[in-house]
């Protein structure tokens, strides 16, 4: 993640409209693709992608991918 995106991500954490329940749904269903998550959550694919990055779910997916291969 570039420094600019990282700063934007930090700023969005402060002004986040995500509830704890929505974060839980995202964490529990993080293996689903973003299109499926947009059907479950009331956010755009870009917002979901950004939230996954903030919560460290993208880094986790990348790390776990190494074990599957």
C-alpha atoms as a PDB file:
ATOM      1  CA  UNK A   1       0.000   0.000   0.000  1.00  0.00           C
ATOM      2  CA  UNK A   2       1.442   3.347  -0.959  1.00  0.00           C
ATOM      3  CA  UNK A   3       1.941   5.999   1.676  1.00  0.00           C
ATOM      4  CA  UNK A   4      -0.887   8.142   0.283  1.00  0.00           C
ATOM      5  CA  UNK A   5      -3.367   5.238   0.350  1.00  0.00           C
ATOM      6  CA  UNK A   6      -2.183   4.358   3.853  1.00  0.00           C
ATOM      7  CA  UNK A   7      -2.836   7.906   5.062  1.00  0.00           C
ATOM      8  CA  UNK A   8      -6.272   7.850   3.408  1.00  0.00           C
ATOM      9  CA  UNK A   9      -6.990   4.525   5.088  1.00  0.00           C
ATOM     10  CA  UNK A  10      -6.043   5.902   8.495  1.00  0.00           C
ATOM     11  CA  UNK A  11      -8.272   8.914   7.910  1.00  0.00           C
ATOM     12  CA  UNK A  12     -11.180   6.693   6.975  1.00  0.00           C
ATOM     13  CA  UNK A  13     -10.780   4.695  10.203  1.00  0.00           C
ATOM     14  CA  UNK A  14     -11.367   7.843  12.197  1.00  0.00           C
ATOM     15  CA  UNK A  15     -14.433   8.830  10.179  1.00  0.00           C
ATOM     16  CA  UNK A  16     -15.678   5.276   9.616  1.00  0.00           C
ATOM     17  CA  UNK A  17     -19.369   4.596   9.392  1.00  0.00           C
ATOM     18  CA  UNK A  18     -18.855   0.846   9.734  1.00  0.00           C
ATOM     19  CA  UNK A  19     -20.518  -0.668  12.774  1.00  0.00           C
ATOM     20  CA  UNK A  20     -18.939  -3.404  14.841  1.00  0.00           C
ATOM     21  CA  UNK A  21     -21.541  -5.846  13.536  1.00  0.00           C
ATOM     22  CA  UNK A  22     -20.643  -4.991   9.920  1.00  0.00           C
ATOM     23  CA  UNK A  23     -16.947  -5.472  10.689  1.00  0.00           C
ATOM     24  CA  UNK A  24     -17.767  -8.880  12.157  1.00  0.00           C
ATOM     25  CA  UNK A  25     -19.709  -9.877   9.035  1.00  0.00           C
ATOM     26  CA  UNK A  26     -16.793  -8.751   6.872  1.00  0.00           C
ATOM     27  CA  UNK A  27     -14.247 -10.659   8.964  1.00  0.00           C
ATOM     28  CA  UNK A  28     -16.329 -13.839   9.073  1.00  0.00           C
ATOM     29  CA  UNK A  29     -16.975 -13.713   5.312  1.00  0.00           C
ATOM     30  CA  UNK A  30     -13.609 -12.343   4.210  1.00  0.00           C
ATOM     31  CA  UNK A  31     -13.023 -15.362   1.966  1.00  0.00           C
ATOM     32  CA  UNK A  32     -15.916 -14.290  -0.286  1.00  0.00           C
ATOM     33  CA  UNK A  33     -15.132 -12.105  -3.273  1.00  0.00           C
ATOM     34  CA  UNK A  34     -15.974  -8.419  -3.115  1.00  0.00           C
ATOM     35  CA  UNK A  35     -18.988  -8.743  -5.429  1.00  0.00           C
ATOM     36  CA  UNK A  36     -20.622 -11.212  -3.048  1.00  0.00           C
ATOM     37  CA  UNK A  37     -19.819  -8.985  -0.085  1.00  0.00           C
ATOM     38  CA  UNK A  38     -21.568  -6.031  -1.750  1.00  0.00           C
ATOM     39  CA  UNK A  39     -24.755  -8.134  -1.713  1.00  0.00           C
ATOM     40  CA  UNK A  40     -24.403  -8.740   2.033  1.00  0.00           C
ATOM     41  CA  UNK A  41     -23.118  -5.332   3.162  1.00  0.00           C
ATOM     42  CA  UNK A  42     -24.500  -1.879   2.289  1.00  0.00           C
ATOM     43  CA  UNK A  43     -21.174  -0.613   0.883  1.00  0.00           C
ATOM     44  CA  UNK A  44     -19.543  -0.318  -2.533  1.00  0.00           C
ATOM     45  CA  UNK A  45     -16.810  -2.702  -3.622  1.00  0.00           C
ATOM     46  CA  UNK A  46     -14.210   0.052  -3.180  1.00  0.00           C
ATOM     47  CA  UNK A  47     -15.362   0.737   0.395  1.00  0.00           C
ATOM     48  CA  UNK A  48     -15.252  -2.975   1.210  1.00  0.00           C
ATOM     49  CA  UNK A  49     -11.780  -3.314  -0.288  1.00  0.00           C
ATOM     50  CA  UNK A  50     -10.547  -0.337   1.754  1.00  0.00           C
ATOM     51  CA  UNK A  51     -12.091  -1.729   4.954  1.00  0.00           C
ATOM     52  CA  UNK A  52     -10.480  -5.129   4.325  1.00  0.00           C
ATOM     53  CA  UNK A  53      -7.137  -3.340   4.005  1.00  0.00           C
ATOM     54  CA  UNK A  54      -7.714  -1.390   7.231  1.00  0.00           C
ATOM     55  CA  UNK A  55      -8.625  -4.534   9.143  1.00  0.00           C
ATOM     56  CA  UNK A  56      -5.588  -6.380   7.773  1.00  0.00           C
ATOM     57  CA  UNK A  57      -7.682  -8.932   5.908  1.00  0.00           C
ATOM     58  CA  UNK A  58      -5.870  -8.400   2.596  1.00  0.00           C
ATOM     59  CA  UNK A  59      -2.500  -8.971   4.237  1.00  0.00           C
ATOM     60  CA  UNK A  60      -3.908 -12.088   5.932  1.00  0.00           C
ATOM     61  CA  UNK A  61      -5.229 -13.470   2.611  1.00  0.00           C
ATOM     62  CA  UNK A  62      -1.842 -12.911   0.985  1.00  0.00           C
ATOM     63  CA  UNK A  63      -0.079 -14.636   3.887  1.00  0.00           C
ATOM     64  CA  UNK A  64      -2.432 -17.638   3.871  1.00  0.00           C
ATOM     65  CA  UNK A  65      -2.139 -18.003   0.093  1.00  0.00           C
ATOM     66  CA  UNK A  66       1.483 -19.053   0.625  1.00  0.00           C
ATOM     67  CA  UNK A  67       0.356 -22.063   2.652  1.00  0.00           C
ATOM     68  CA  UNK A  68      -2.177 -23.234   0.075  1.00  0.00           C
ATOM     69  CA  UNK A  69       0.410 -23.526  -2.714  1.00  0.00           C
END
